[in-house]
Amino acid sequence: MADAQQALIDIVGANDVLVGEAIGEDYHRDEALTTVATRPAVVVRPGSTDEVSRIVQFAAEQGIAITARGSGTGLSGGCVASEQGILVSFERMDQILEIDTENHVAVVQAGVTLEQLDAATAEHDLTYTVYPGEYSASLGGNVATNAGGMRAVKYGVTRHQVLGLEAVLGTGEVIRTGGKFVKATTGYDLTQLIIGSEGTLALATEATLKLYPRVHHHATVLAPFRVLTEVTNAVPAIVNSGIGPVILEYIDLLSMAGITAAASLDLGIPQDIKDEALAYLVVVLEQRTADRLDQDVEELATQLAELGALDVYVLPSSAGTALIVARERAFWAGKANGMNDIIDMVVPRAQIPEYMAKVAELAEGTASWVTGCGHVGDGNVHLTVFQADPDVRYELMRGIFETGMGLGGAISGEHGIGTAKKRYFQELTDPAKLALMQRIKVAFDPAGILNPGVLLD
């Protein structure tokens, strides 16, 4: 790789080309539990789209694999480069290029983090509404995986909030898609094709994002239920009421105990209620005024009581915020307790009880421990899997995926396939669809250098 190293230095300068021991461990992995950390041959840190284009063009000519990396917070192994490959880190491309207050859009480079964007939009009393649970995540990574999060029940996921992209194809060509408009019927929608492609079709270098007026009045309502079916039966009624919750989260008994313990959080729930509750529903409401919020909370509390909640708690602001933060950190709580894998499958929300009942059967049949919490409003249930034997775990997880797909679901609701779930994806997906995806990849990346081994072989 000596010649490649010099060619990359000629593009970005010696300070931003790393090799050997200069490549720190953070570049070897993302946060996936089951992928093997790998040190790439070269890490290159471009500062502009033109530099990215030149890097990709060189790699295509030489047949060298390229993997894009944002903040490395992914959970599917999607930004782990090969030992012979180039890791393109977007950490230097971290500029917010524009906050357009008239059109309610932000234009950002790929390395901008959610935390940076939130601080910048707050100055204009605006907000970007995708919060996948890790504020250090980059917008480029969010685009690559079509990140979601708890607020998707109201605002949707990344693909609903991206109006346009600047992207570098596998040939080094630069394209722009979309723009500062919300609809178009002009040819293929290349923006949507690139979103969620996990760096296999193009390297997104810039994104144009929807912004919304920032809402300042929030309330967190916690409702314990006896069983999960009561939670899932309550969700359609809440959605149909017109209250418009921004978060609808299901947390099972074990997950609630784990995340509150990890956060040292006492929600003030009496012990007799804890003893009876097997499932919790967390509802977050937002409104422009305090009076309207109070009315919504009162209506919701009445509705939850009628739907069978054991009790209804309107949490103090600090406790409500702490619970949401603790829920967003559930992955780390599970990791600290030795979990072996995670599942982020999505199913139609009406099928969640049937899905979870089958999950329980599969767990019992394999002597595994599976706990759950997730975005019940949109059917994205996150499962924590404790099963150390890899062969048994494979059978368990394949069974869970087959069950969910049989109910109309999909293997990943927001983390992506990466390498961690590629085996299941390829075994369970229609071969005609896989073949079509391969042909699409060839059109974008004829040399096959962009993130090979991720999503597709």
Protein backbone atom coordinates (compact mmCIF):
# COMPACT_ATOMS: atom_id res chain seq x y z
CA MET A 1 0.00 0.00 0.00
CA ALA A 2 3.02 2.32 -0.08
CA ASP A 3 2.07 3.76 -3.47
CA ALA A 4 -1.52 4.20 -2.32
CA GLN A 5 -0.35 5.99 0.80
CA GLN A 6 1.65 8.48 -1.25
CA ALA A 7 -1.22 9.02 -3.69
CA LEU A 8 -3.57 9.78 -0.79
CA ILE A 9 -1.02 12.14 0.76
CA ASP A 10 -0.93 14.00 -2.54
CA ILE A 11 -4.70 14.46 -2.25
CA VAL A 12 -5.23 15.40 1.41
CA GLY A 13 -1.77 16.02 2.87
CA ALA A 14 0.44 13.92 5.13
CA ASN A 15 -1.31 14.89 8.38
CA ASP A 16 -4.56 13.29 7.27
CA VAL A 17 -3.29 9.94 6.04
CA LEU A 18 -2.78 7.37 8.80
CA VAL A 19 -1.11 3.98 8.52
CA GLY A 20 0.12 1.27 10.88
CA GLU A 21 0.22 2.09 14.58
CA ALA A 22 -1.00 5.63 13.85
CA ILE A 23 -4.45 4.12 13.21
CA GLY A 24 -6.06 4.15 16.67
CA GLU A 25 -8.42 1.40 17.84
CA ASP A 26 -11.47 3.60 17.36
CA TYR A 27 -10.99 3.26 13.59
CA HIS A 28 -11.04 -0.56 13.85
CA ARG A 29 -14.72 -1.01 14.72
CA ASP A 30 -18.16 0.40 15.31
CA GLU A 31 -20.41 -0.58 18.26
CA ALA A 32 -21.68 -3.89 16.83
CA LEU A 33 -21.35 -6.78 19.27
CA THR A 34 -20.55 -9.59 16.86
CA THR A 35 -18.21 -8.11 14.25
CA VAL A 36 -14.43 -8.48 14.42
CA ALA A 37 -12.41 -5.31 14.89
CA THR A 38 -10.09 -4.80 11.92
CA ARG A 39 -7.34 -2.28 11.32
CA PRO A 40 -7.60 -0.87 7.79
CA ALA A 41 -4.51 -0.47 5.63
CA VAL A 42 -5.00 3.30 5.44
CA VAL A 43 -7.23 5.90 7.10
CA VAL A 44 -7.72 9.06 5.08
CA ARG A 45 -9.48 12.19 6.35
CA PRO A 46 -10.69 14.34 3.45
CA GLY A 47 -11.69 17.96 3.95
CA SER A 48 -13.88 18.49 0.89
CA THR A 49 -16.10 16.71 -1.61
CA ASP A 50 -13.43 17.24 -4.27
CA GLU A 51 -10.93 15.34 -2.13
CA VAL A 52 -13.43 12.53 -1.57
CA SER A 53 -13.99 12.35 -5.32
CA ARG A 54 -10.26 12.09 -6.03
CA ILE A 55 -9.82 9.42 -3.34
CA VAL A 56 -12.64 7.30 -4.78
CA GLN A 57 -11.41 7.75 -8.33
CA PHE A 58 -7.93 6.59 -7.33
CA ALA A 59 -9.32 3.60 -5.42
CA ALA A 60 -11.51 2.60 -8.38
CA GLU A 61 -8.53 2.69 -10.72
CA GLN A 62 -6.47 0.56 -8.34
CA GLY A 63 -9.29 -1.77 -7.24
CA ILE A 64 -8.93 -0.87 -3.56
CA ALA A 65 -11.93 -1.22 -1.26
CA ILE A 66 -13.31 1.92 0.42
CA THR A 67 -15.39 2.13 3.60
CA ALA A 68 -16.95 5.40 4.79
CA ARG A 69 -17.00 6.25 8.49
CA GLY A 70 -18.80 8.96 10.40
CA SER A 71 -18.71 8.79 14.20
CA GLY A 72 -18.53 5.00 14.36
CA THR A 73 -21.69 4.65 16.47
CA GLY A 74 -23.38 2.08 14.21
CA LEU A 75 -24.60 -1.26 15.57
CA SER A 76 -24.28 -3.51 12.51
CA GLY A 77 -20.61 -3.51 11.48
CA GLY A 78 -21.30 -1.25 8.52
CA CYS A 79 -18.23 0.97 8.87
CA VAL A 80 -15.54 -1.63 9.58
CA ALA A 81 -13.01 -1.58 6.75
CA SER A 82 -11.01 -4.52 5.42
CA GLU A 83 -7.34 -5.02 6.26
CA GLN A 84 -6.43 -4.19 2.66
CA GLY A 85 -8.87 -1.30 2.36
CA ILE A 86 -9.10 2.44 2.79
CA LEU A 87 -11.22 3.89 5.57
CA VAL A 88 -12.55 7.33 4.62
CA SER A 89 -13.27 9.21 7.84
CA PHE A 90 -15.49 12.27 7.55
CA GLU A 91 -14.40 13.83 10.85
CA ARG A 92 -12.90 16.90 9.13
CA MET A 93 -16.01 17.51 7.02
CA ASP A 94 -18.02 18.82 9.97
CA GLN A 95 -19.35 22.16 8.77
CA ILE A 96 -22.94 23.34 8.96
CA LEU A 97 -23.01 25.14 5.64
CA GLU A 98 -26.39 26.84 5.99
CA ILE A 99 -29.40 27.24 8.25
CA ASP A 100 -32.10 28.53 5.92
CA THR A 101 -34.79 29.96 8.20
CA GLU A 102 -37.13 30.88 5.35
CA ASN A 103 -37.23 27.44 3.76
CA HIS A 104 -36.73 25.60 7.08
CA VAL A 105 -33.74 23.56 5.89
CA ALA A 106 -30.19 22.93 7.02
CA VAL A 107 -27.33 22.08 4.68
CA VAL A 108 -24.62 20.08 6.44
CA GLN A 109 -21.48 18.15 5.65
CA ALA A 110 -21.42 14.42 6.38
CA GLY A 111 -19.30 14.69 9.51
CA VAL A 112 -21.66 17.04 11.37
CA THR A 113 -23.05 15.38 14.50
CA LEU A 114 -26.62 15.51 15.73
CA GLU A 115 -25.40 17.38 18.80
CA GLN A 116 -23.76 20.06 16.63
CA LEU A 117 -26.85 20.45 14.49
CA ASP A 118 -29.16 20.63 17.50
CA ALA A 119 -27.10 23.43 19.03
CA ALA A 120 -27.04 25.37 15.76
CA THR A 121 -30.76 25.02 15.03
CA ALA A 122 -31.67 25.98 18.62
CA GLU A 123 -30.24 29.45 17.96
CA HIS A 124 -33.00 29.90 15.37
CA ASP A 125 -35.72 28.18 17.45
CA LEU A 126 -35.76 25.32 14.94
CA THR A 127 -34.99 21.62 15.27
CA TYR A 128 -34.02 18.54 13.28
CA THR A 129 -36.35 15.77 14.42
CA VAL A 130 -34.42 12.51 13.98
CA TYR A 131 -32.93 11.36 17.30
CA PRO A 132 -31.64 7.78 17.01
CA GLY A 133 -30.45 7.73 20.62
CA GLU A 134 -26.80 8.75 20.18
CA TYR A 135 -26.22 12.47 19.73
CA SER A 136 -22.58 11.95 18.76
CA ALA A 137 -23.76 10.15 15.61
CA SER A 138 -22.95 11.87 12.33
CA LEU A 139 -25.49 12.92 9.71
CA GLY A 140 -23.56 10.96 7.08
CA GLY A 141 -23.93 7.81 9.15
CA ASN A 142 -27.61 8.53 9.72
CA VAL A 143 -28.11 8.84 5.96
CA ALA A 144 -26.20 5.61 5.32
CA THR A 145 -28.36 3.59 7.73
CA ASN A 146 -31.65 5.50 7.45
CA ALA A 147 -31.49 6.08 11.21
CA GLY A 148 -34.75 6.30 13.14
CA GLY A 149 -35.28 6.51 16.87
CA MET A 150 -38.10 7.05 19.33
CA ARG A 151 -39.60 10.12 17.63
CA ALA A 152 -40.25 8.26 14.38
CA VAL A 153 -43.90 7.68 15.35
CA LYS A 154 -44.53 11.39 14.74
CA TYR A 155 -41.77 12.58 12.44
CA GLY A 156 -40.62 9.48 10.59
CA VAL A 157 -37.05 8.35 9.99
CA THR A 158 -34.06 9.88 8.18
CA ARG A 159 -35.43 9.30 4.69
CA HIS A 160 -38.48 11.41 5.56
CA GLN A 161 -36.28 14.34 6.58
CA VAL A 162 -33.62 14.41 3.84
CA LEU A 163 -34.51 16.64 0.90
CA GLY A 164 -31.32 16.24 -1.09
CA LEU A 165 -27.77 14.93 -1.13
CA GLU A 166 -24.38 15.56 -2.59
CA ALA A 167 -22.74 12.17 -3.13
CA VAL A 168 -19.67 10.60 -4.71
CA LEU A 169 -20.32 7.50 -6.81
CA GLY A 170 -17.97 4.52 -7.01
CA THR A 171 -16.41 6.06 -10.12
CA GLY A 172 -15.48 9.29 -8.34
CA GLU A 173 -18.27 11.20 -10.10
CA VAL A 174 -20.12 13.74 -7.94
CA ILE A 175 -23.89 14.05 -8.16
CA ARG A 176 -26.48 16.27 -6.49
CA THR A 177 -29.96 14.96 -5.81
CA GLY A 178 -33.10 16.74 -4.63
CA GLY A 179 -32.98 20.28 -3.26
CA LYS A 180 -34.79 22.75 -1.02
CA PHE A 181 -38.21 21.50 -2.01
CA VAL A 182 -40.52 18.87 -0.57
CA LYS A 183 -41.82 17.18 -3.71
CA ALA A 184 -40.70 16.35 -7.25
CA THR A 185 -41.68 13.94 -9.99
CA THR A 186 -38.58 14.31 -12.12
CA GLY A 187 -36.95 10.98 -12.88
CA TYR A 188 -35.77 8.39 -10.39
CA ASP A 189 -35.52 9.46 -6.76
CA LEU A 190 -31.79 8.94 -6.28
CA THR A 191 -31.88 10.60 -2.86
CA GLN A 192 -34.05 7.82 -1.47
CA LEU A 193 -32.02 5.12 -3.18
CA ILE A 194 -28.79 6.29 -1.53
CA ILE A 195 -30.38 6.69 1.92
CA GLY A 196 -30.09 3.39 3.77
CA SER A 197 -27.64 1.88 1.26
CA GLU A 198 -24.96 1.67 3.96
CA GLY A 199 -22.18 3.21 1.88
CA THR A 200 -22.44 0.55 -0.84
CA LEU A 201 -23.77 2.84 -3.59
CA ALA A 202 -22.19 6.22 -2.89
CA LEU A 203 -20.44 8.30 -0.23
CA ALA A 204 -22.80 11.06 0.90
CA THR A 205 -20.74 14.19 1.52
CA GLU A 206 -23.52 16.73 2.11
CA ALA A 207 -27.20 16.61 3.07
CA THR A 208 -30.09 19.06 2.86
CA LEU A 209 -32.40 18.44 5.82
CA LYS A 210 -35.91 19.47 6.86
CA LEU A 211 -36.20 21.61 9.96
CA TYR A 212 -39.25 22.26 12.16
CA PRO A 213 -40.21 24.95 14.67
CA ARG A 214 -38.85 23.97 18.08
CA VAL A 215 -41.60 23.03 20.54
CA HIS A 216 -40.86 24.00 24.15
CA HIS A 217 -43.61 22.32 26.18
CA HIS A 218 -43.27 18.58 26.82
CA ALA A 219 -44.74 15.99 29.18
CA THR A 220 -43.77 12.38 29.84
CA VAL A 221 -46.54 9.98 30.87
CA LEU A 222 -45.75 6.51 32.21
CA ALA A 223 -48.42 3.81 32.31
CA PRO A 224 -47.76 0.32 33.73
CA PHE A 225 -49.87 -2.54 32.34
CA ARG A 226 -50.38 -6.14 33.38
CA VAL A 227 -49.45 -7.64 30.00
CA LEU A 228 -47.98 -6.57 26.65
CA THR A 229 -51.22 -7.11 24.74
CA GLU A 230 -52.83 -4.32 26.78
CA VAL A 231 -50.00 -1.99 25.71
CA THR A 232 -50.31 -2.86 22.04
CA ASN A 233 -54.09 -2.57 22.18
CA ALA A 234 -53.74 0.89 23.70
CA VAL A 235 -51.44 2.23 21.00
CA PRO A 236 -53.96 2.43 18.10
CA ALA A 237 -56.46 4.17 20.39
CA ILE A 238 -53.85 6.77 21.39
CA VAL A 239 -52.78 7.34 17.80
CA ASN A 240 -56.39 7.62 16.61
CA SER A 241 -57.25 10.11 19.36
CA GLY A 242 -55.46 12.90 17.50
CA ILE A 243 -53.24 13.79 20.45
CA GLY A 244 -50.19 13.19 18.24
CA PRO A 245 -47.61 11.71 20.64
CA VAL A 246 -43.99 12.34 19.76
CA ILE A 247 -42.86 9.14 21.53
CA LEU A 248 -44.69 5.84 22.15
CA GLU A 249 -42.33 3.37 23.80
CA TYR A 250 -42.87 -0.14 25.12
CA ILE A 251 -40.54 -1.35 27.88
CA ASP A 252 -40.85 -4.81 29.39
CA LEU A 253 -40.37 -5.57 33.07
CA LEU A 254 -36.77 -6.74 32.84
CA SER A 255 -35.70 -3.91 30.54
CA MET A 256 -37.30 -1.31 32.82
CA ALA A 257 -35.45 -2.75 35.79
CA GLY A 258 -32.18 -2.76 33.84
CA ILE A 259 -32.30 0.76 32.44
CA THR A 260 -33.52 2.40 35.65
CA ALA A 261 -30.86 0.58 37.67
CA ALA A 262 -28.14 1.59 35.20
CA ALA A 263 -29.27 5.22 35.46
CA SER A 264 -29.89 5.08 39.25
CA LEU A 265 -33.39 6.31 38.44
CA ASP A 266 -36.31 6.04 40.88
CA LEU A 267 -39.61 6.83 39.15
CA GLY A 268 -41.65 6.66 42.35
CA ILE A 269 -43.77 3.69 41.30
CA PRO A 270 -45.26 1.90 44.35
CA GLN A 271 -44.05 -1.65 44.94
CA ASP A 272 -47.54 -3.17 44.60
CA ILE A 273 -47.79 -1.72 41.06
CA LYS A 274 -44.29 -2.96 40.22
CA ASP A 275 -45.26 -6.44 41.39
CA GLU A 276 -48.23 -6.56 39.03
CA ALA A 277 -46.85 -4.76 35.96
CA LEU A 278 -45.16 -6.78 33.21
CA ALA A 279 -45.12 -4.02 30.58
CA TYR A 280 -44.81 -0.25 30.55
CA LEU A 281 -45.95 2.32 28.02
CA VAL A 282 -44.07 5.62 27.86
CA VAL A 283 -45.82 8.46 26.05
CA VAL A 284 -44.22 11.84 25.40
CA LEU A 285 -46.45 14.72 24.29
CA GLU A 286 -45.42 18.12 22.99
CA GLN A 287 -47.38 21.32 22.45
CA ARG A 288 -46.80 24.99 21.61
CA THR A 289 -48.44 26.20 24.83
CA ALA A 290 -48.62 24.91 28.39
CA ASP A 291 -52.43 25.07 28.44
CA ARG A 292 -52.78 22.88 25.36
CA LEU A 293 -50.27 20.44 26.76
CA ASP A 294 -52.18 20.17 30.04
CA GLN A 295 -55.38 19.42 28.14
CA ASP A 296 -53.65 16.69 26.11
CA VAL A 297 -52.12 15.13 29.22
CA GLU A 298 -55.48 15.05 30.99
CA GLU A 299 -57.17 13.46 27.97
CA LEU A 300 -54.36 10.89 27.61
CA ALA A 301 -54.43 9.95 31.31
CA THR A 302 -58.16 9.34 31.17
CA GLN A 303 -57.78 7.27 28.04
CA LEU A 304 -54.97 5.14 29.50
CA ALA A 305 -57.01 4.40 32.62
CA GLU A 306 -59.93 3.29 30.44
CA LEU A 307 -57.56 1.10 28.41
CA GLY A 308 -56.52 -0.89 31.47
CA ALA A 309 -53.43 0.86 32.84
CA LEU A 310 -52.73 -0.07 36.45
CA ASP A 311 -52.04 3.61 37.12
CA VAL A 312 -50.91 6.69 35.22
CA TYR A 313 -47.92 8.81 36.19
CA VAL A 314 -47.16 12.24 34.77
CA LEU A 315 -43.46 12.38 35.51
CA PRO A 316 -41.71 15.55 36.68
CA SER A 317 -39.75 17.15 33.86
CA SER A 318 -36.38 15.99 35.20
CA ALA A 319 -37.57 12.41 35.74
CA GLY A 320 -39.22 12.30 32.31
CA THR A 321 -36.04 13.47 30.61
CA ALA A 322 -33.97 11.01 32.65
CA LEU A 323 -36.24 8.10 31.68
CA ILE A 324 -35.98 8.90 27.96
CA VAL A 325 -32.20 9.24 28.22
CA ALA A 326 -32.05 5.93 30.12
CA ARG A 327 -34.18 4.26 27.44
CA GLU A 328 -31.87 5.63 24.75
CA ARG A 329 -28.94 4.09 26.65
CA ALA A 330 -30.59 0.67 26.88
CA PHE A 331 -27.97 -0.79 24.54
CA TRP A 332 -25.20 0.13 26.94
CA ALA A 333 -27.10 -1.28 29.91
CA GLY A 334 -27.51 -4.57 28.04
CA LYS A 335 -23.87 -4.57 26.97
CA ALA A 336 -22.75 -4.01 30.56
CA ASN A 337 -24.82 -7.04 31.57
CA GLY A 338 -23.18 -9.30 28.99
CA MET A 339 -25.74 -9.47 26.18
CA ASN A 340 -24.59 -11.40 23.13
CA ASP A 341 -26.59 -9.76 20.34
CA ILE A 342 -29.37 -7.32 19.55
CA ILE A 343 -32.33 -7.37 17.17
CA ASP A 344 -34.06 -4.27 15.81
CA MET A 345 -36.76 -5.97 13.75
CA VAL A 346 -39.86 -4.05 12.71
CA VAL A 347 -43.32 -5.59 12.32
CA PRO A 348 -46.78 -4.06 11.80
CA ARG A 349 -47.69 -2.76 15.24
CA ALA A 350 -50.92 -4.76 15.38
CA GLN A 351 -48.82 -7.95 15.06
CA ILE A 352 -46.50 -7.15 17.99
CA PRO A 353 -48.34 -9.41 20.51
CA GLU A 354 -48.21 -12.39 18.16
CA TYR A 355 -44.57 -11.66 17.34
CA MET A 356 -43.53 -11.34 20.98
CA ALA A 357 -45.39 -14.52 21.95
CA LYS A 358 -43.42 -16.44 19.32
CA VAL A 359 -40.18 -14.78 20.47
CA ALA A 360 -40.89 -16.07 23.99
CA GLU A 361 -41.44 -19.59 22.62
CA LEU A 362 -38.20 -19.50 20.64
CA ALA A 363 -36.26 -18.19 23.63
CA GLU A 364 -37.63 -20.93 25.87
CA GLY A 365 -36.96 -23.59 23.25
CA THR A 366 -33.29 -22.59 22.98
CA ALA A 367 -32.73 -21.91 26.71
CA SER A 368 -32.04 -18.27 25.84
CA TRP A 369 -32.93 -15.04 27.59
CA VAL A 370 -34.53 -12.35 25.42
CA THR A 371 -35.78 -9.02 26.77
CA GLY A 372 -37.44 -6.21 24.87
CA CYS A 373 -38.23 -2.55 24.58
CA GLY A 374 -38.91 -0.48 21.53
CA HIS A 375 -40.84 1.96 19.45
CA VAL A 376 -44.25 0.34 19.78
CA GLY A 377 -45.87 3.22 17.90
CA ASP A 378 -44.17 2.15 14.68
CA GLY A 379 -43.66 -1.57 15.39
CA ASN A 380 -39.87 -1.40 15.85
CA VAL A 381 -39.20 -3.72 18.80
CA HIS A 382 -35.61 -3.93 20.07
CA LEU A 383 -34.65 -7.27 21.56
CA THR A 384 -31.64 -8.00 23.74
CA VAL A 385 -30.38 -11.57 23.24
CA PHE A 386 -28.46 -13.50 25.87
CA GLN A 387 -27.22 -16.77 24.37
CA ALA A 388 -23.47 -17.43 24.40
CA ASP A 389 -23.46 -20.44 22.04
CA PRO A 390 -23.14 -18.96 18.51
CA ASP A 391 -24.85 -21.91 16.80
CA VAL A 392 -27.82 -21.84 19.15
CA ARG A 393 -27.97 -18.05 18.87
CA TYR A 394 -28.06 -18.29 15.08
CA GLU A 395 -31.02 -20.70 15.19
CA LEU A 396 -32.82 -18.46 17.68
CA MET A 397 -32.27 -15.27 15.71
CA ARG A 398 -33.12 -16.84 12.39
CA GLY A 399 -36.36 -18.09 13.91
CA ILE A 400 -37.15 -14.63 15.24
CA PHE A 401 -36.46 -13.05 11.85
CA GLU A 402 -38.53 -15.66 9.99
CA THR A 403 -41.41 -15.10 12.39
CA GLY A 404 -41.33 -11.32 11.98
CA MET A 405 -41.05 -11.49 8.20
CA GLY A 406 -43.97 -13.91 8.13
CA LEU A 407 -46.02 -11.26 9.91
CA GLY A 408 -45.12 -8.64 7.30
CA GLY A 409 -42.00 -7.27 8.98
CA ALA A 410 -38.39 -6.57 8.02
CA ILE A 411 -35.10 -7.69 9.59
CA SER A 412 -33.87 -4.21 10.48
CA GLY A 413 -35.98 -1.23 11.44
CA GLU A 414 -33.15 1.28 11.87
CA HIS A 415 -29.68 -0.17 12.56
CA GLY A 416 -29.13 -1.52 9.05
CA ILE A 417 -27.86 -4.91 7.89
CA GLY A 418 -24.11 -4.25 7.76
CA THR A 419 -22.14 -7.45 8.23
CA ALA A 420 -23.80 -8.41 11.52
CA LYS A 421 -27.15 -9.39 9.97
CA LYS A 422 -26.05 -10.05 6.40
CA ARG A 423 -26.33 -13.85 6.70
CA TYR A 424 -29.95 -13.64 7.81
CA PHE A 425 -30.76 -11.00 5.20
CA GLN A 426 -29.34 -13.05 2.34
CA GLU A 427 -30.87 -16.33 3.50
CA LEU A 428 -34.37 -14.92 4.02
CA THR A 429 -34.70 -12.32 1.23
CA ASP A 430 -36.24 -13.07 -2.16
CA PRO A 431 -33.33 -13.97 -4.50
CA ALA A 432 -34.84 -11.82 -7.25
CA LYS A 433 -34.66 -8.80 -4.97
CA LEU A 434 -31.05 -9.55 -4.05
CA ALA A 435 -30.14 -9.89 -7.73
CA LEU A 436 -31.80 -6.54 -8.49
CA MET A 437 -29.86 -4.89 -5.66
CA GLN A 438 -26.64 -6.30 -7.11
CA ARG A 439 -27.44 -4.79 -10.51
CA ILE A 440 -28.21 -1.43 -8.93
CA LYS A 441 -24.88 -1.55 -7.10
CA VAL A 442 -23.02 -2.22 -10.34
CA ALA A 443 -24.60 0.90 -11.87
CA PHE A 444 -23.44 3.09 -8.98
CA ASP A 445 -20.16 1.28 -8.27
CA PRO A 446 -18.94 -0.61 -11.34
CA ALA A 447 -15.58 -1.52 -9.79
CA GLY A 448 -17.27 -2.88 -6.65
CA ILE A 449 -15.04 -0.91 -4.27
CA LEU A 450 -17.67 0.72 -2.01
CA ASN A 451 -18.04 -1.14 1.29
CA PRO A 452 -17.71 -4.63 -0.20
CA GLY A 453 -19.04 -7.37 2.07
CA VAL A 454 -21.62 -5.08 3.68
CA LEU A 455 -25.29 -5.82 2.91
CA LEU A 456 -24.37 -7.78 -0.24
CA ASP A 457 -21.54 -10.16 -1.11
